[in-house]
N, C-alpha and C. Protein backbone atom coordinates (compact mmCIF):
# COMPACT_ATOMS: atom_id res chain seq x y z
N UNK A 1 -15.68 -23.41 47.75
CA UNK A 1 -17.05 -23.30 48.21
C UNK A 1 -17.99 -23.58 47.04
N UNK A 2 -18.94 -24.45 47.25
CA UNK A 2 -19.88 -24.82 46.21
C UNK A 2 -20.99 -23.78 46.08
N UNK A 3 -21.40 -23.56 44.84
CA UNK A 3 -22.50 -22.63 44.60
C UNK A 3 -23.85 -23.33 44.69
N UNK A 4 -23.81 -24.66 44.81
CA UNK A 4 -25.06 -25.40 44.87
C UNK A 4 -25.62 -25.73 43.50
N UNK A 5 -24.92 -25.29 42.46
CA UNK A 5 -25.38 -25.55 41.10
C UNK A 5 -24.43 -26.56 40.46
N UNK A 6 -24.98 -27.66 40.01
CA UNK A 6 -24.16 -28.66 39.32
C UNK A 6 -24.11 -28.30 37.85
N UNK A 7 -22.95 -27.88 37.39
CA UNK A 7 -22.78 -27.55 35.98
C UNK A 7 -21.78 -28.52 35.37
N UNK A 8 -22.13 -29.09 34.23
CA UNK A 8 -21.19 -30.01 33.59
C UNK A 8 -19.97 -29.25 33.10
N UNK A 9 -18.83 -29.89 33.19
CA UNK A 9 -17.59 -29.28 32.72
C UNK A 9 -17.48 -29.49 31.21
N UNK A 10 -17.22 -28.42 30.52
CA UNK A 10 -17.01 -28.49 29.08
C UNK A 10 -15.53 -28.36 28.81
N UNK A 11 -15.00 -29.18 27.91
CA UNK A 11 -13.57 -29.05 27.61
C UNK A 11 -13.29 -27.71 26.92
N UNK A 12 -12.14 -27.16 27.22
CA UNK A 12 -11.74 -25.94 26.55
C UNK A 12 -11.24 -26.29 25.16
N UNK A 13 -11.61 -25.50 24.20
CA UNK A 13 -11.24 -25.74 22.81
C UNK A 13 -10.57 -24.49 22.26
N UNK A 14 -9.44 -24.69 21.62
CA UNK A 14 -8.79 -23.57 20.94
C UNK A 14 -9.57 -23.33 19.65
N UNK A 15 -10.12 -22.16 19.50
CA UNK A 15 -10.96 -21.87 18.33
C UNK A 15 -10.19 -22.00 17.02
N UNK A 16 -8.87 -21.89 17.08
CA UNK A 16 -8.05 -22.07 15.87
C UNK A 16 -8.07 -23.52 15.40
N UNK A 17 -8.45 -24.45 16.28
CA UNK A 17 -8.52 -25.87 15.94
C UNK A 17 -9.85 -26.27 15.32
N UNK A 18 -10.82 -25.37 15.28
CA UNK A 18 -12.13 -25.69 14.73
C UNK A 18 -12.12 -25.53 13.21
N UNK A 19 -12.66 -26.55 12.52
CA UNK A 19 -12.74 -26.50 11.06
C UNK A 19 -14.14 -26.87 10.61
N UNK A 20 -14.55 -26.32 9.48
CA UNK A 20 -15.88 -26.61 8.95
C UNK A 20 -15.81 -27.74 7.93
N UNK A 21 -16.96 -28.07 7.35
CA UNK A 21 -17.04 -29.20 6.41
C UNK A 21 -16.15 -28.97 5.19
N UNK A 22 -15.99 -27.74 4.77
CA UNK A 22 -15.14 -27.46 3.62
C UNK A 22 -13.69 -27.82 3.92
N UNK A 23 -13.21 -27.48 5.11
CA UNK A 23 -11.84 -27.82 5.48
C UNK A 23 -11.69 -29.32 5.71
N UNK A 24 -12.71 -29.96 6.29
CA UNK A 24 -12.67 -31.42 6.47
C UNK A 24 -12.57 -32.08 5.09
N UNK A 25 -13.37 -31.62 4.14
CA UNK A 25 -13.33 -32.17 2.79
C UNK A 25 -11.94 -32.01 2.19
N UNK A 26 -11.31 -30.88 2.41
CA UNK A 26 -9.96 -30.66 1.90
C UNK A 26 -8.96 -31.62 2.52
N UNK A 27 -9.06 -31.84 3.83
CA UNK A 27 -8.15 -32.78 4.51
C UNK A 27 -8.31 -34.20 3.97
N UNK A 28 -9.55 -34.56 3.67
CA UNK A 28 -9.84 -35.92 3.21
C UNK A 28 -9.75 -36.06 1.69
N UNK A 29 -9.43 -34.96 1.03
CA UNK A 29 -9.33 -34.92 -0.43
C UNK A 29 -10.65 -35.30 -1.10
N UNK A 30 -11.73 -34.77 -0.55
CA UNK A 30 -13.05 -34.99 -1.12
C UNK A 30 -13.38 -33.85 -2.08
N UNK A 31 -14.13 -34.15 -3.11
CA UNK A 31 -14.44 -33.15 -4.14
C UNK A 31 -15.39 -32.06 -3.65
N UNK A 32 -16.23 -32.38 -2.68
CA UNK A 32 -17.26 -31.43 -2.26
C UNK A 32 -17.51 -31.54 -0.76
N UNK A 33 -17.74 -30.43 -0.08
CA UNK A 33 -18.02 -30.48 1.36
C UNK A 33 -19.24 -31.34 1.73
N UNK A 34 -20.21 -31.47 0.82
CA UNK A 34 -21.37 -32.33 1.12
C UNK A 34 -20.98 -33.79 1.28
N UNK A 35 -19.84 -34.18 0.72
CA UNK A 35 -19.36 -35.56 0.84
C UNK A 35 -18.99 -35.91 2.28
N UNK A 36 -18.75 -34.91 3.10
CA UNK A 36 -18.41 -35.16 4.51
C UNK A 36 -19.58 -35.86 5.20
N UNK A 37 -20.80 -35.48 4.87
CA UNK A 37 -21.99 -36.14 5.45
C UNK A 37 -22.02 -37.62 5.07
N UNK A 38 -21.66 -37.93 3.85
CA UNK A 38 -21.61 -39.32 3.42
C UNK A 38 -20.57 -40.08 4.23
N UNK A 39 -19.41 -39.47 4.44
CA UNK A 39 -18.37 -40.10 5.24
C UNK A 39 -18.84 -40.35 6.67
N UNK A 40 -19.58 -39.40 7.24
CA UNK A 40 -20.08 -39.58 8.60
C UNK A 40 -20.97 -40.82 8.71
N UNK A 41 -21.77 -41.06 7.67
CA UNK A 41 -22.64 -42.25 7.67
C UNK A 41 -21.84 -43.52 7.38
N UNK A 42 -20.88 -43.43 6.50
CA UNK A 42 -20.13 -44.60 6.03
C UNK A 42 -19.10 -45.10 7.05
N UNK A 43 -18.48 -44.19 7.78
CA UNK A 43 -17.39 -44.55 8.69
C UNK A 43 -17.75 -44.20 10.13
N UNK A 44 -18.21 -45.19 10.89
CA UNK A 44 -18.64 -44.91 12.27
C UNK A 44 -17.50 -44.45 13.17
N UNK A 45 -16.25 -44.71 12.78
CA UNK A 45 -15.12 -44.29 13.60
C UNK A 45 -14.65 -42.87 13.28
N UNK A 46 -15.27 -42.24 12.29
CA UNK A 46 -14.90 -40.87 11.95
C UNK A 46 -15.30 -39.94 13.10
N UNK A 47 -14.40 -39.02 13.48
CA UNK A 47 -14.77 -38.08 14.55
C UNK A 47 -16.05 -37.32 14.22
N UNK A 48 -16.86 -37.17 15.22
CA UNK A 48 -18.11 -36.44 15.07
C UNK A 48 -17.85 -34.95 15.28
N UNK A 49 -18.70 -34.11 14.72
CA UNK A 49 -18.52 -32.67 14.94
C UNK A 49 -18.63 -32.35 16.43
N UNK A 50 -17.83 -31.41 16.88
CA UNK A 50 -17.94 -30.96 18.28
C UNK A 50 -19.06 -29.94 18.41
N UNK A 51 -19.48 -29.39 17.27
CA UNK A 51 -20.61 -28.47 17.23
C UNK A 51 -21.47 -28.82 16.04
N UNK A 52 -22.72 -29.16 16.31
CA UNK A 52 -23.67 -29.49 15.24
C UNK A 52 -24.99 -28.83 15.62
N UNK A 53 -25.33 -27.78 14.89
CA UNK A 53 -26.53 -27.01 15.22
C UNK A 53 -27.76 -27.47 14.46
N UNK A 54 -27.66 -28.61 13.76
CA UNK A 54 -28.81 -29.15 13.06
C UNK A 54 -28.75 -28.94 11.56
N UNK A 55 -29.76 -29.45 10.90
CA UNK A 55 -29.82 -29.43 9.44
C UNK A 55 -29.69 -28.01 8.88
N UNK A 56 -28.83 -27.88 7.90
CA UNK A 56 -28.65 -26.60 7.24
C UNK A 56 -27.84 -25.59 8.03
N UNK A 57 -27.33 -26.00 9.17
CA UNK A 57 -26.54 -25.11 10.02
C UNK A 57 -25.10 -25.61 10.06
N UNK A 58 -24.17 -24.77 10.43
CA UNK A 58 -22.76 -25.18 10.44
C UNK A 58 -22.46 -26.32 11.40
N UNK A 59 -21.50 -27.13 11.00
CA UNK A 59 -20.93 -28.17 11.86
C UNK A 59 -19.44 -27.89 11.93
N UNK A 60 -18.87 -28.09 13.11
CA UNK A 60 -17.45 -27.85 13.29
C UNK A 60 -16.78 -29.06 13.92
N UNK A 61 -15.60 -29.37 13.44
CA UNK A 61 -14.79 -30.48 13.92
C UNK A 61 -13.50 -29.94 14.52
N UNK A 62 -12.85 -30.75 15.33
CA UNK A 62 -11.53 -30.41 15.82
C UNK A 62 -10.49 -30.90 14.81
N UNK A 63 -9.69 -29.99 14.31
CA UNK A 63 -8.72 -30.32 13.27
C UNK A 63 -7.74 -31.41 13.73
N UNK A 64 -7.19 -31.36 14.96
CA UNK A 64 -6.28 -32.43 15.37
C UNK A 64 -6.92 -33.82 15.32
N UNK A 65 -8.20 -33.92 15.72
CA UNK A 65 -8.90 -35.21 15.66
C UNK A 65 -9.04 -35.68 14.22
N UNK A 66 -9.40 -34.76 13.33
CA UNK A 66 -9.59 -35.13 11.92
C UNK A 66 -8.27 -35.54 11.28
N UNK A 67 -7.20 -34.84 11.61
CA UNK A 67 -5.89 -35.19 11.06
C UNK A 67 -5.47 -36.59 11.51
N UNK A 68 -5.65 -36.90 12.80
CA UNK A 68 -5.31 -38.24 13.31
C UNK A 68 -6.12 -39.31 12.59
N UNK A 69 -7.42 -39.07 12.44
CA UNK A 69 -8.28 -40.05 11.80
C UNK A 69 -7.89 -40.23 10.33
N UNK A 70 -7.65 -39.14 9.65
CA UNK A 70 -7.27 -39.22 8.23
C UNK A 70 -5.96 -39.98 8.06
N UNK A 71 -4.99 -39.72 8.93
CA UNK A 71 -3.70 -40.45 8.84
C UNK A 71 -3.89 -41.93 9.13
N UNK A 72 -4.66 -42.25 10.15
CA UNK A 72 -4.89 -43.66 10.49
C UNK A 72 -5.63 -44.37 9.36
N UNK A 73 -6.58 -43.69 8.77
CA UNK A 73 -7.33 -44.28 7.66
C UNK A 73 -6.45 -44.49 6.45
N UNK A 74 -5.59 -43.52 6.17
CA UNK A 74 -4.67 -43.64 5.04
C UNK A 74 -3.69 -44.80 5.27
N UNK A 75 -3.19 -44.92 6.49
CA UNK A 75 -2.27 -46.01 6.81
C UNK A 75 -2.96 -47.36 6.67
N UNK A 76 -4.21 -47.46 7.15
CA UNK A 76 -4.95 -48.72 7.05
C UNK A 76 -5.22 -49.07 5.59
N UNK A 77 -5.55 -48.08 4.78
CA UNK A 77 -5.81 -48.30 3.36
C UNK A 77 -4.54 -48.76 2.66
N UNK A 78 -3.42 -48.12 2.98
CA UNK A 78 -2.14 -48.48 2.39
C UNK A 78 -1.75 -49.90 2.79
N UNK A 79 -1.96 -50.23 4.09
CA UNK A 79 -1.66 -51.57 4.58
C UNK A 79 -2.48 -52.64 3.87
N UNK A 80 -3.77 -52.39 3.70
CA UNK A 80 -4.65 -53.40 3.07
C UNK A 80 -4.29 -53.58 1.60
N UNK A 81 -3.84 -52.54 0.96
CA UNK A 81 -3.45 -52.65 -0.46
C UNK A 81 -2.14 -53.40 -0.63
N UNK A 82 -1.25 -53.29 0.36
CA UNK A 82 0.04 -53.95 0.25
C UNK A 82 0.03 -55.35 0.86
N UNK A 83 -1.14 -55.81 1.29
CA UNK A 83 -1.25 -57.15 1.84
C UNK A 83 -1.05 -57.23 3.33
N UNK A 84 -1.13 -56.10 4.03
CA UNK A 84 -1.00 -56.10 5.48
C UNK A 84 0.44 -56.01 5.90
N UNK A 85 0.67 -56.10 7.21
CA UNK A 85 2.03 -56.00 7.74
C UNK A 85 2.77 -57.30 7.53
N UNK A 86 4.05 -57.20 7.38
CA UNK A 86 4.87 -58.39 7.11
C UNK A 86 5.87 -58.62 8.19
């Protein structure tokens, strides 16, 4: 039975999968969490935060998404250095 209210469905997120800029920086081996903002501008394919409350407020990413992106980026970097696939 419909309540008559159209509410958008939000995906369920395991809170254990949420990481902040400091953890993202650690995954990407960046020297400082502020470097994550630079990466967001530099790499349009980088996963965006699932929670962004605005300037000076926390941003949170999904760890599984960041791990996949970091691995894919590392593989692409390794491939380009070795001359691509053979």
